[in-house]
Amino acid sequence: TKQASECNFWDSSVHPDVQPEIKLSQSPNETSVKHLTSDEECVFAAVG
């Protein structure tokens, strides 16, 4: 079963410290999760 999920990596409203980018659309290369690694405390995700 799902314990949690995250799908707002590119959403500047979720990450207020990040400057928003004006884009009409996002290509799969910008949103795709390419690789994951973990230290059992955190998951480090390569997204775009």
ModelCIF file with pLDDT and N, C-alpha, C, O atoms, coordinates in Angstrom:
data_MODEL
#
_entry.id   MODEL 
#
_entity.id                         1 
_entity.type                       polymer 
_entity.pdbx_number_of_molecules   1 
#
_entity_poly.entity_id                      1 
_entity_poly.type                           'polypeptide(L)' 
_entity_poly.nstd_linkage                   no 
_entity_poly.nstd_monomer                   no 
_entity_poly.pdbx_seq_one_letter_code       TKQASECNFWDSSVHPDVQPEIKLSQSPNETSVKHLTSDEECVFAAVG 
_entity_poly.pdbx_seq_one_letter_code_can   TKQASECNFWDSSVHPDVQPEIKLSQSPNETSVKHLTSDEECVFAAVG 
_entity_poly.pdbx_strand_id                 A 
#
loop_
_entity_poly_seq.entity_id 
_entity_poly_seq.num 
_entity_poly_seq.mon_id 
_entity_poly_seq.hetero 
1 1  THR n 
1 2  LYS n 
1 3  GLN n 
1 4  ALA n 
1 5  SER n 
1 6  GLU n 
1 7  CYS n 
1 8  ASN n 
1 9  PHE n 
1 10 TRP n 
1 11 ASP n 
1 12 SER n 
1 13 SER n 
1 14 VAL n 
1 15 HIS n 
1 16 PRO n 
1 17 ASP n 
1 18 VAL n 
1 19 GLN n 
1 20 PRO n 
1 21 GLU n 
1 22 ILE n 
1 23 LYS n 
1 24 LEU n 
1 25 SER n 
1 26 GLN n 
1 27 SER n 
1 28 PRO n 
1 29 ASN n 
1 30 GLU n 
1 31 THR n 
1 32 SER n 
1 33 VAL n 
1 34 LYS n 
1 35 HIS n 
1 36 LEU n 
1 37 THR n 
1 38 SER n 
1 39 ASP n 
1 40 GLU n 
1 41 GLU n 
1 42 CYS n 
1 43 VAL n 
1 44 PHE n 
1 45 ALA n 
1 46 ALA n 
1 47 VAL n 
1 48 GLY n 
#
_struct_asym.id          A 
_struct_asym.entity_id   1 
#
loop_
_ma_qa_metric.id 
_ma_qa_metric.mode 
_ma_qa_metric.name 
_ma_qa_metric.software_group_id 
_ma_qa_metric.type 
1 global pLDDT . pLDDT 
2 local  pLDDT . pLDDT 
#
_ma_qa_metric_global.metric_id      1 
_ma_qa_metric_global.metric_value   73.62 
_ma_qa_metric_global.model_id       1 
_ma_qa_metric_global.ordinal_id     1 
#
loop_
_ma_qa_metric_local.label_asym_id 
_ma_qa_metric_local.label_comp_id 
_ma_qa_metric_local.label_seq_id 
_ma_qa_metric_local.metric_id 
_ma_qa_metric_local.metric_value 
_ma_qa_metric_local.model_id 
_ma_qa_metric_local.ordinal_id 
A THR 1  2 93.00 1 1  
A LYS 2  2 93.00 1 2  
A GLN 3  2 92.00 1 3  
A ALA 4  2 92.00 1 4  
A SER 5  2 91.00 1 5  
A GLU 6  2 90.00 1 6  
A CYS 7  2 84.00 1 7  
A ASN 8  2 75.00 1 8  
A PHE 9  2 75.00 1 9  
A TRP 10 2 59.00 1 10 
A ASP 11 2 60.00 1 11 
A SER 12 2 50.00 1 12 
A SER 13 2 50.00 1 13 
A VAL 14 2 47.00 1 14 
A HIS 15 2 49.00 1 15 
A PRO 16 2 47.00 1 16 
A ASP 17 2 49.00 1 17 
A VAL 18 2 48.00 1 18 
A GLN 19 2 46.00 1 19 
A PRO 20 2 43.00 1 20 
A GLU 21 2 45.00 1 21 
A ILE 22 2 39.00 1 22 
A LYS 23 2 43.00 1 23 
A LEU 24 2 41.00 1 24 
A SER 25 2 46.00 1 25 
A GLN 26 2 58.00 1 26 
A SER 27 2 63.00 1 27 
A PRO 28 2 63.00 1 28 
A ASN 29 2 65.00 1 29 
A GLU 30 2 77.00 1 30 
A THR 31 2 84.00 1 31 
A SER 32 2 90.00 1 32 
A VAL 33 2 93.00 1 33 
A LYS 34 2 93.00 1 34 
A HIS 35 2 95.00 1 35 
A LEU 36 2 95.00 1 36 
A THR 37 2 94.00 1 37 
A SER 38 2 92.00 1 38 
A ASP 39 2 90.00 1 39 
A GLU 40 2 85.00 1 40 
A GLU 41 2 91.00 1 41 
A CYS 42 2 93.00 1 42 
A VAL 43 2 94.00 1 43 
A PHE 44 2 96.00 1 44 
A ALA 45 2 95.00 1 45 
A ALA 46 2 95.00 1 46 
A VAL 47 2 94.00 1 47 
A GLY 48 2 92.00 1 48 
#
loop_
_atom_site.group_PDB 
_atom_site.id 
_atom_site.type_symbol 
_atom_site.label_atom_id 
_atom_site.label_alt_id 
_atom_site.label_comp_id 
_atom_site.label_asym_id 
_atom_site.label_entity_id 
_atom_site.label_seq_id 
_atom_site.pdbx_PDB_ins_code 
_atom_site.Cartn_x 
_atom_site.Cartn_y 
_atom_site.Cartn_z 
_atom_site.occupancy 
_atom_site.B_iso_or_equiv 
_atom_site.pdbx_formal_charge 
_atom_site.auth_seq_id 
_atom_site.auth_comp_id 
_atom_site.auth_asym_id 
_atom_site.auth_atom_id 
_atom_site.pdbx_PDB_model_num 
ATOM 1   N N  . THR A 1 1  ? 0.846  -1.198 0.000   1.00 93.00 ? 1  THR A N  1 
ATOM 2   C CA . THR A 1 1  ? 0.000  0.000  0.000   1.00 93.00 ? 1  THR A CA 1 
ATOM 3   C C  . THR A 1 1  ? 0.881  1.249  0.000   1.00 93.00 ? 1  THR A C  1 
ATOM 4   O O  . THR A 1 1  ? 2.048  1.198  0.388   1.00 93.00 ? 1  THR A O  1 
ATOM 5   N N  . LYS A 1 2  ? 0.305  2.371  -0.442  1.00 93.00 ? 2  LYS A N  1 
ATOM 6   C CA . LYS A 1 2  ? 1.017  3.642  -0.454  1.00 93.00 ? 2  LYS A CA 1 
ATOM 7   C C  . LYS A 1 2  ? 1.131  4.198  0.957   1.00 93.00 ? 2  LYS A C  1 
ATOM 8   O O  . LYS A 1 2  ? 0.142  4.276  1.686   1.00 93.00 ? 2  LYS A O  1 
ATOM 9   N N  . GLN A 1 3  ? 2.346  4.583  1.337   1.00 92.00 ? 3  GLN A N  1 
ATOM 10  C CA . GLN A 1 3  ? 2.544  5.268  2.612   1.00 92.00 ? 3  GLN A CA 1 
ATOM 11  C C  . GLN A 1 3  ? 2.501  6.784  2.423   1.00 92.00 ? 3  GLN A C  1 
ATOM 12  O O  . GLN A 1 3  ? 1.987  7.514  3.272   1.00 92.00 ? 3  GLN A O  1 
ATOM 13  N N  . ALA A 1 4  ? 3.048  7.244  1.300   1.00 92.00 ? 4  ALA A N  1 
ATOM 14  C CA . ALA A 1 4  ? 3.087  8.681  1.009   1.00 92.00 ? 4  ALA A CA 1 
ATOM 15  C C  . ALA A 1 4  ? 3.416  8.858  -0.462  1.00 92.00 ? 4  ALA A C  1 
ATOM 16  O O  . ALA A 1 4  ? 3.867  7.924  -1.126  1.00 92.00 ? 4  ALA A O  1 
ATOM 17  N N  . SER A 1 5  ? 3.187  10.066 -0.968  1.00 91.00 ? 5  SER A N  1 
ATOM 18  C CA . SER A 1 5  ? 3.538  10.366 -2.355  1.00 91.00 ? 5  SER A CA 1 
ATOM 19  C C  . SER A 1 5  ? 3.871  11.841 -2.490  1.00 91.00 ? 5  SER A C  1 
ATOM 20  O O  . SER A 1 5  ? 3.439  12.666 -1.684  1.00 91.00 ? 5  SER A O  1 
ATOM 21  N N  . GLU A 1 6  ? 4.643  12.161 -3.514  1.00 90.00 ? 6  GLU A N  1 
ATOM 22  C CA . GLU A 1 6  ? 5.048  13.538 -3.808  1.00 90.00 ? 6  GLU A CA 1 
ATOM 23  C C  . GLU A 1 6  ? 5.008  13.714 -5.317  1.00 90.00 ? 6  GLU A C  1 
ATOM 24  O O  . GLU A 1 6  ? 5.638  12.951 -6.050  1.00 90.00 ? 6  GLU A O  1 
ATOM 25  N N  . CYS A 1 7  ? 4.272  14.715 -5.784  1.00 84.00 ? 7  CYS A N  1 
ATOM 26  C CA . CYS A 1 7  ? 4.195  14.935 -7.230  1.00 84.00 ? 7  CYS A CA 1 
ATOM 27  C C  . CYS A 1 7  ? 4.282  16.409 -7.582  1.00 84.00 ? 7  CYS A C  1 
ATOM 28  O O  . CYS A 1 7  ? 3.897  16.806 -8.681  1.00 84.00 ? 7  CYS A O  1 
ATOM 29  N N  . ASN A 1 8  ? 4.785  17.230 -6.656  1.00 75.00 ? 8  ASN A N  1 
ATOM 30  C CA . ASN A 1 8  ? 4.865  18.675 -6.882  1.00 75.00 ? 8  ASN A CA 1 
ATOM 31  C C  . ASN A 1 8  ? 6.304  19.173 -6.876  1.00 75.00 ? 8  ASN A C  1 
ATOM 32  O O  . ASN A 1 8  ? 6.579  20.259 -6.367  1.00 75.00 ? 8  ASN A O  1 
ATOM 33  N N  . PHE A 1 9  ? 7.222  18.392 -7.433  1.00 75.00 ? 9  PHE A N  1 
ATOM 34  C CA . PHE A 1 9  ? 8.630  18.780 -7.412  1.00 75.00 ? 9  PHE A CA 1 
ATOM 35  C C  . PHE A 1 9  ? 8.858  20.116 -8.124  1.00 75.00 ? 9  PHE A C  1 
ATOM 36  O O  . PHE A 1 9  ? 9.679  20.917 -7.678  1.00 75.00 ? 9  PHE A O  1 
ATOM 37  N N  . TRP A 1 10 ? 8.145  20.364 -9.221  1.00 59.00 ? 10 TRP A N  1 
ATOM 38  C CA . TRP A 1 10 ? 8.376  21.564 -10.019 1.00 59.00 ? 10 TRP A CA 1 
ATOM 39  C C  . TRP A 1 10 ? 7.433  22.706 -9.660  1.00 59.00 ? 10 TRP A C  1 
ATOM 40  O O  . TRP A 1 10 ? 7.476  23.759 -10.297 1.00 59.00 ? 10 TRP A O  1 
ATOM 41  N N  . ASP A 1 11 ? 6.590  22.521 -8.658  1.00 60.00 ? 11 ASP A N  1 
ATOM 42  C CA . ASP A 1 11 ? 5.602  23.528 -8.272  1.00 60.00 ? 11 ASP A CA 1 
ATOM 43  C C  . ASP A 1 11 ? 6.238  24.513 -7.297  1.00 60.00 ? 11 ASP A C  1 
ATOM 44  O O  . ASP A 1 11 ? 6.562  24.140 -6.170  1.00 60.00 ? 11 ASP A O  1 
ATOM 45  N N  . SER A 1 12 ? 6.421  25.772 -7.717  1.00 50.00 ? 12 SER A N  1 
ATOM 46  C CA . SER A 1 12 ? 7.099  26.767 -6.873  1.00 50.00 ? 12 SER A CA 1 
ATOM 47  C C  . SER A 1 12 ? 6.269  27.140 -5.648  1.00 50.00 ? 12 SER A C  1 
ATOM 48  O O  . SER A 1 12 ? 6.830  27.600 -4.653  1.00 50.00 ? 12 SER A O  1 
ATOM 49  N N  . SER A 1 13 ? 4.936  26.953 -5.691  1.00 50.00 ? 13 SER A N  1 
ATOM 50  C CA . SER A 1 13 ? 4.114  27.277 -4.529  1.00 50.00 ? 13 SER A CA 1 
ATOM 51  C C  . SER A 1 13 ? 4.355  26.311 -3.381  1.00 50.00 ? 13 SER A C  1 
ATOM 52  O O  . SER A 1 13 ? 4.148  26.662 -2.219  1.00 50.00 ? 13 SER A O  1 
ATOM 53  N N  . VAL A 1 14 ? 4.799  25.079 -3.703  1.00 47.00 ? 14 VAL A N  1 
ATOM 54  C CA . VAL A 1 14 ? 5.101  24.092 -2.667  1.00 47.00 ? 14 VAL A CA 1 
ATOM 55  C C  . VAL A 1 14 ? 6.466  24.376 -2.058  1.00 47.00 ? 14 VAL A C  1 
ATOM 56  O O  . VAL A 1 14 ? 6.700  24.082 -0.886  1.00 47.00 ? 14 VAL A O  1 
ATOM 57  N N  . HIS A 1 15 ? 7.375  24.951 -2.858  1.00 49.00 ? 15 HIS A N  1 
ATOM 58  C CA . HIS A 1 15 ? 8.729  25.264 -2.387  1.00 49.00 ? 15 HIS A CA 1 
ATOM 59  C C  . HIS A 1 15 ? 8.916  26.782 -2.469  1.00 49.00 ? 15 HIS A C  1 
ATOM 60  O O  . HIS A 1 15 ? 9.442  27.277 -3.466  1.00 49.00 ? 15 HIS A O  1 
ATOM 61  N N  . PRO A 1 16 ? 8.497  27.532 -1.442  1.00 47.00 ? 16 PRO A N  1 
ATOM 62  C CA . PRO A 1 16 ? 8.484  28.996 -1.510  1.00 47.00 ? 16 PRO A CA 1 
ATOM 63  C C  . PRO A 1 16 ? 9.862  29.617 -1.626  1.00 47.00 ? 16 PRO A C  1 
ATOM 64  O O  . PRO A 1 16 ? 9.970  30.762 -2.064  1.00 47.00 ? 16 PRO A O  1 
ATOM 65  N N  . ASP A 1 17 ? 10.926 28.907 -1.249  1.00 49.00 ? 17 ASP A N  1 
ATOM 66  C CA . ASP A 1 17 ? 12.269 29.480 -1.322  1.00 49.00 ? 17 ASP A CA 1 
ATOM 67  C C  . ASP A 1 17 ? 12.779 29.553 -2.754  1.00 49.00 ? 17 ASP A C  1 
ATOM 68  O O  . ASP A 1 17 ? 13.794 30.198 -3.016  1.00 49.00 ? 17 ASP A O  1 
ATOM 69  N N  . VAL A 1 18 ? 12.091 28.901 -3.679  1.00 48.00 ? 18 VAL A N  1 
ATOM 70  C CA . VAL A 1 18 ? 12.561 28.795 -5.057  1.00 48.00 ? 18 VAL A CA 1 
ATOM 71  C C  . VAL A 1 18 ? 11.875 29.835 -5.927  1.00 48.00 ? 18 VAL A C  1 
ATOM 72  O O  . VAL A 1 18 ? 10.667 30.046 -5.825  1.00 48.00 ? 18 VAL A O  1 
ATOM 73  N N  . GLN A 1 19 ? 12.656 30.482 -6.783  1.00 46.00 ? 19 GLN A N  1 
ATOM 74  C CA . GLN A 1 19 ? 12.088 31.458 -7.697  1.00 46.00 ? 19 GLN A CA 1 
ATOM 75  C C  . GLN A 1 19 ? 11.193 30.764 -8.720  1.00 46.00 ? 19 GLN A C  1 
ATOM 76  O O  . GLN A 1 19 ? 11.623 29.791 -9.340  1.00 46.00 ? 19 GLN A O  1 
ATOM 77  N N  . PRO A 1 20 ? 9.944  31.241 -8.917  1.00 43.00 ? 20 PRO A N  1 
ATOM 78  C CA . PRO A 1 20 ? 9.055  30.590 -9.880  1.00 43.00 ? 20 PRO A CA 1 
ATOM 79  C C  . PRO A 1 20 ? 9.521  30.800 -11.312 1.00 43.00 ? 20 PRO A C  1 
ATOM 80  O O  . PRO A 1 20 ? 10.111 31.830 -11.640 1.00 43.00 ? 20 PRO A O  1 
ATOM 81  N N  . GLU A 1 21 ? 9.255  29.827 -12.151 1.00 45.00 ? 21 GLU A N  1 
ATOM 82  C CA . GLU A 1 21 ? 9.596  29.909 -13.561 1.00 45.00 ? 21 GLU A CA 1 
ATOM 83  C C  . GLU A 1 21 ? 8.312  29.934 -14.371 1.00 45.00 ? 21 GLU A C  1 
ATOM 84  O O  . GLU A 1 21 ? 7.397  29.149 -14.121 1.00 45.00 ? 21 GLU A O  1 
ATOM 85  N N  . ILE A 1 22 ? 8.246  30.848 -15.355 1.00 39.00 ? 22 ILE A N  1 
ATOM 86  C CA . ILE A 1 22 ? 7.065  30.966 -16.201 1.00 39.00 ? 22 ILE A CA 1 
ATOM 87  C C  . ILE A 1 22 ? 7.228  30.044 -17.402 1.00 39.00 ? 22 ILE A C  1 
ATOM 88  O O  . ILE A 1 22 ? 8.097  30.263 -18.246 1.00 39.00 ? 22 ILE A O  1 
ATOM 89  N N  . LYS A 1 23 ? 6.390  29.012 -17.476 1.00 43.00 ? 23 LYS A N  1 
ATOM 90  C CA . LYS A 1 23 ? 6.452  28.053 -18.570 1.00 43.00 ? 23 LYS A CA 1 
ATOM 91  C C  . LYS A 1 23 ? 5.030  27.690 -18.994 1.00 43.00 ? 23 LYS A C  1 
ATOM 92  O O  . LYS A 1 23 ? 4.136  27.523 -18.165 1.00 43.00 ? 23 LYS A O  1 
ATOM 93  N N  . LEU A 1 24 ? 4.849  27.574 -20.303 1.00 41.00 ? 24 LEU A N  1 
ATOM 94  C CA . LEU A 1 24 ? 3.533  27.207 -20.815 1.00 41.00 ? 24 LEU A CA 1 
ATOM 95  C C  . LEU A 1 24 ? 3.266  25.721 -20.613 1.00 41.00 ? 24 LEU A C  1 
ATOM 96  O O  . LEU A 1 24 ? 2.143  25.319 -20.308 1.00 41.00 ? 24 LEU A O  1 
ATOM 97  N N  . SER A 1 25 ? 4.287  24.921 -20.780 1.00 46.00 ? 25 SER A N  1 
ATOM 98  C CA . SER A 1 25 ? 4.126  23.478 -20.609 1.00 46.00 ? 25 SER A CA 1 
ATOM 99  C C  . SER A 1 25 ? 5.451  22.880 -20.175 1.00 46.00 ? 25 SER A C  1 
ATOM 100 O O  . SER A 1 25 ? 6.502  23.503 -20.324 1.00 46.00 ? 25 SER A O  1 
ATOM 101 N N  . GLN A 1 26 ? 5.398  21.678 -19.640 1.00 58.00 ? 26 GLN A N  1 
ATOM 102 C CA . GLN A 1 26 ? 6.594  21.007 -19.157 1.00 58.00 ? 26 GLN A CA 1 
ATOM 103 C C  . GLN A 1 26 ? 6.787  19.708 -19.915 1.00 58.00 ? 26 GLN A C  1 
ATOM 104 O O  . GLN A 1 26 ? 5.870  18.895 -20.034 1.00 58.00 ? 26 GLN A O  1 
ATOM 105 N N  . SER A 1 27 ? 7.993  19.529 -20.423 1.00 63.00 ? 27 SER A N  1 
ATOM 106 C CA . SER A 1 27 ? 8.298  18.313 -21.165 1.00 63.00 ? 27 SER A CA 1 
ATOM 107 C C  . SER A 1 27 ? 8.611  17.193 -20.184 1.00 63.00 ? 27 SER A C  1 
ATOM 108 O O  . SER A 1 27 ? 8.934  17.449 -19.024 1.00 63.00 ? 27 SER A O  1 
ATOM 109 N N  . PRO A 1 28 ? 8.515  15.939 -20.652 1.00 63.00 ? 28 PRO A N  1 
ATOM 110 C CA . PRO A 1 28 ? 8.849  14.814 -19.761 1.00 63.00 ? 28 PRO A CA 1 
ATOM 111 C C  . PRO A 1 28 ? 10.260 14.894 -19.200 1.00 63.00 ? 28 PRO A C  1 
ATOM 112 O O  . PRO A 1 28 ? 10.509 14.412 -18.095 1.00 63.00 ? 28 PRO A O  1 
ATOM 113 N N  . ASN A 1 29 ? 11.207 15.505 -19.953 1.00 65.00 ? 29 ASN A N  1 
ATOM 114 C CA . ASN A 1 29 ? 12.581 15.618 -19.453 1.00 65.00 ? 29 ASN A CA 1 
ATOM 115 C C  . ASN A 1 29 ? 12.668 16.518 -18.232 1.00 65.00 ? 29 ASN A C  1 
ATOM 116 O O  . ASN A 1 29 ? 13.586 16.368 -17.425 1.00 65.00 ? 29 ASN A O  1 
ATOM 117 N N  . GLU A 1 30 ? 11.727 17.458 -18.074 1.00 77.00 ? 30 GLU A N  1 
ATOM 118 C CA . GLU A 1 30 ? 11.762 18.380 -16.946 1.00 77.00 ? 30 GLU A CA 1 
ATOM 119 C C  . GLU A 1 30 ? 11.118 17.790 -15.703 1.00 77.00 ? 30 GLU A C  1 
ATOM 120 O O  . GLU A 1 30 ? 11.425 18.211 -14.588 1.00 77.00 ? 30 GLU A O  1 
ATOM 121 N N  . THR A 1 31 ? 10.230 16.820 -15.880 1.00 84.00 ? 31 THR A N  1 
ATOM 122 C CA . THR A 1 31 ? 9.487  16.275 -14.741 1.00 84.00 ? 31 THR A CA 1 
ATOM 123 C C  . THR A 1 31 ? 9.858  14.842 -14.399 1.00 84.00 ? 31 THR A C  1 
ATOM 124 O O  . THR A 1 31 ? 9.480  14.348 -13.337 1.00 84.00 ? 31 THR A O  1 
ATOM 125 N N  . SER A 1 32 ? 10.587 14.167 -15.273 1.00 90.00 ? 32 SER A N  1 
ATOM 126 C CA . SER A 1 32 ? 10.857 12.743 -15.087 1.00 90.00 ? 32 SER A CA 1 
ATOM 127 C C  . SER A 1 32 ? 11.826 12.492 -13.935 1.00 90.00 ? 32 SER A C  1 
ATOM 128 O O  . SER A 1 32 ? 12.844 13.170 -13.796 1.00 90.00 ? 32 SER A O  1 
ATOM 129 N N  . VAL A 1 33 ? 11.485 11.503 -13.115 1.00 93.00 ? 33 VAL A N  1 
ATOM 130 C CA . VAL A 1 33 ? 12.390 11.063 -12.050 1.00 93.00 ? 33 VAL A CA 1 
ATOM 131 C C  . VAL A 1 33 ? 13.385 10.087 -12.677 1.00 93.00 ? 33 VAL A C  1 
ATOM 132 O O  . VAL A 1 33 ? 13.034 8.947  -12.983 1.00 93.00 ? 33 VAL A O  1 
ATOM 133 N N  . LYS A 1 34 ? 14.626 10.537 -12.868 1.00 93.00 ? 34 LYS A N  1 
ATOM 134 C CA . LYS A 1 34 ? 15.640 9.741  -13.563 1.00 93.00 ? 34 LYS A CA 1 
ATOM 135 C C  . LYS A 1 34 ? 16.302 8.714  -12.654 1.00 93.00 ? 34 LYS A C  1 
ATOM 136 O O  . LYS A 1 34 ? 16.635 7.609  -13.084 1.00 93.00 ? 34 LYS A O  1 
ATOM 137 N N  . HIS A 1 35 ? 16.490 9.096  -11.383 1.00 95.00 ? 35 HIS A N  1 
ATOM 138 C CA . HIS A 1 35 ? 17.220 8.196  -10.482 1.00 95.00 ? 35 HIS A CA 1 
ATOM 139 C C  . HIS A 1 35 ? 16.862 8.509  -9.041  1.00 95.00 ? 35 HIS A C  1 
ATOM 140 O O  . HIS A 1 35 ? 16.537 9.649  -8.708  1.00 95.00 ? 35 HIS A O  1 
ATOM 141 N N  . LEU A 1 36 ? 16.920 7.495  -8.186  1.00 95.00 ? 36 LEU A N  1 
ATOM 142 C CA . LEU A 1 36 ? 16.648 7.637  -6.756  1.00 95.00 ? 36 LEU A CA 1 
ATOM 143 C C  . LEU A 1 36 ? 17.754 6.966  -5.950  1.00 95.00 ? 36 LEU A C  1 
ATOM 144 O O  . LEU A 1 36 ? 18.282 5.927  -6.346  1.00 95.00 ? 36 LEU A O  1 
ATOM 145 N N  . THR A 1 37 ? 18.092 7.564  -4.831  1.00 94.00 ? 37 THR A N  1 
ATOM 146 C CA . THR A 1 37 ? 18.987 6.916  -3.878  1.00 94.00 ? 37 THR A CA 1 
ATOM 147 C C  . THR A 1 37 ? 18.530 7.314  -2.479  1.00 94.00 ? 37 THR A C  1 
ATOM 148 O O  . THR A 1 37 ? 17.787 8.283  -2.323  1.00 94.00 ? 37 THR A O  1 
ATOM 149 N N  . SER A 1 38 ? 18.969 6.572  -1.460  1.00 92.00 ? 38 SER A N  1 
ATOM 150 C CA . SER A 1 38 ? 18.475 6.826  -0.105  1.00 92.00 ? 38 SER A CA 1 
ATOM 151 C C  . SER A 1 38 ? 19.536 6.496  0.931   1.00 92.00 ? 38 SER A C  1 
ATOM 152 O O  . SER A 1 38 ? 20.424 5.678  0.692   1.00 92.00 ? 38 SER A O  1 
ATOM 153 N N  . ASP A 1 39 ? 19.429 7.150  2.095   1.00 90.00 ? 39 ASP A N  1 
ATOM 154 C CA . ASP A 1 39 ? 20.280 6.828  3.239   1.00 90.00 ? 39 ASP A CA 1 
ATOM 155 C C  . ASP A 1 39 ? 19.427 6.326  4.405   1.00 90.00 ? 39 ASP A C  1 
ATOM 156 O O  . ASP A 1 39 ? 19.861 6.351  5.556   1.00 90.00 ? 39 ASP A O  1 
ATOM 157 N N  . GLU A 1 40 ? 18.200 5.867  4.093   1.00 85.00 ? 40 GLU A N  1 
ATOM 158 C CA . GLU A 1 40 ? 17.217 5.345  5.048   1.00 85.00 ? 40 GLU A CA 1 
ATOM 159 C C  . GLU A 1 40 ? 16.537 6.433  5.870   1.00 85.00 ? 40 GLU A C  1 
ATOM 160 O O  . GLU A 1 40 ? 15.559 6.159  6.566   1.00 85.00 ? 40 GLU A O  1 
ATOM 161 N N  . GLU A 1 41 ? 17.037 7.655  5.798   1.00 91.00 ? 41 GLU A N  1 
ATOM 162 C CA . GLU A 1 41 ? 16.378 8.794  6.442   1.00 91.00 ? 41 GLU A CA 1 
ATOM 163 C C  . GLU A 1 41 ? 15.684 9.664  5.400   1.00 91.00 ? 41 GLU A C  1 
ATOM 164 O O  . GLU A 1 41 ? 14.570 10.146 5.608   1.00 91.00 ? 41 GLU A O  1 
ATOM 165 N N  . CYS A 1 42 ? 16.373 9.853  4.270   1.00 93.00 ? 42 CYS A N  1 
ATOM 166 C CA . CYS A 1 42 ? 15.846 10.671 3.185   1.00 93.00 ? 42 CYS A CA 1 
ATOM 167 C C  . CYS A 1 42 ? 15.974 9.924  1.861   1.00 93.00 ? 42 CYS A C  1 
ATOM 168 O O  . CYS A 1 42 ? 16.810 9.034  1.709   1.00 93.00 ? 42 CYS A O  1 
ATOM 169 N N  . VAL A 1 43 ? 15.127 10.308 0.910   1.00 94.00 ? 43 VAL A N  1 
ATOM 170 C CA . VAL A 1 43 ? 15.242 9.843  -0.472  1.00 94.00 ? 43 VAL A CA 1 
ATOM 171 C C  . VAL A 1 43 ? 15.751 11.017 -1.294  1.00 94.00 ? 43 VAL A C  1 
ATOM 172 O O  . VAL A 1 43 ? 15.203 12.116 -1.215  1.00 94.00 ? 43 VAL A O  1 
ATOM 173 N N  . PHE A 1 44 ? 16.796 10.791 -2.081  1.00 96.00 ? 44 PHE A N  1 
ATOM 174 C CA . PHE A 1 44 ? 17.362 11.819 -2.934  1.00 96.00 ? 44 PHE A CA 1 
ATOM 175 C C  . PHE A 1 44 ? 16.941 11.515 -4.369  1.00 96.00 ? 44 PHE A C  1 
ATOM 176 O O  . PHE A 1 44 ? 17.295 10.475 -4.924  1.00 96.00 ? 44 PHE A O  1 
ATOM 177 N N  . ALA A 1 45 ? 16.181 12.437 -4.961  1.00 95.00 ? 45 ALA A N  1 
ATOM 178 C CA . ALA A 1 45 ? 15.581 12.197 -6.270  1.00 95.00 ? 45 ALA A CA 1 
ATOM 179 C C  . ALA A 1 45 ? 16.165 13.133 -7.308  1.00 95.00 ? 45 ALA A C  1 
ATOM 180 O O  . ALA A 1 45 ? 16.255 14.341 -7.091  1.00 95.00 ? 45 ALA A O  1 
ATOM 181 N N  . ALA A 1 46 ? 16.564 12.562 -8.446  1.00 95.00 ? 46 ALA A N  1 
ATOM 182 C CA . ALA A 1 46 ? 16.987 13.347 -9.602  1.00 95.00 ? 46 ALA A CA 1 
ATOM 183 C C  . ALA A 1 46 ? 15.757 13.548 -10.479 1.00 95.00 ? 46 ALA A C  1 
ATOM 184 O O  . ALA A 1 46 ? 15.289 12.612 -11.126 1.00 95.00 ? 46 ALA A O  1 
ATOM 185 N N  . VAL A 1 47 ? 15.239 14.770 -10.497 1.00 94.00 ? 47 VAL A N  1 
ATOM 186 C CA . VAL A 1 47 ? 14.015 15.087 -11.240 1.00 94.00 ? 47 VAL A CA 1 
ATOM 187 C C  . VAL A 1 47 ? 14.339 16.180 -12.249 1.00 94.00 ? 47 VAL A C  1 
ATOM 188 O O  . VAL A 1 47 ? 14.612 17.320 -11.873 1.00 94.00 ? 47 VAL A O  1 
ATOM 189 N N  . GLY A 1 48 ? 14.306 15.825 -13.542 1.00 92.00 ? 48 GLY A N  1 
ATOM 190 C CA . GLY A 1 48 ? 14.666 16.797 -14.569 1.00 92.00 ? 48 GLY A CA 1 
ATOM 191 C C  . GLY A 1 48 ? 16.087 17.290 -14.377 1.00 92.00 ? 48 GLY A C  1 
ATOM 192 O O  . GLY A 1 48 ? 16.564 18.118 -15.153 1.00 92.00 ? 48 GLY A O  1 
#
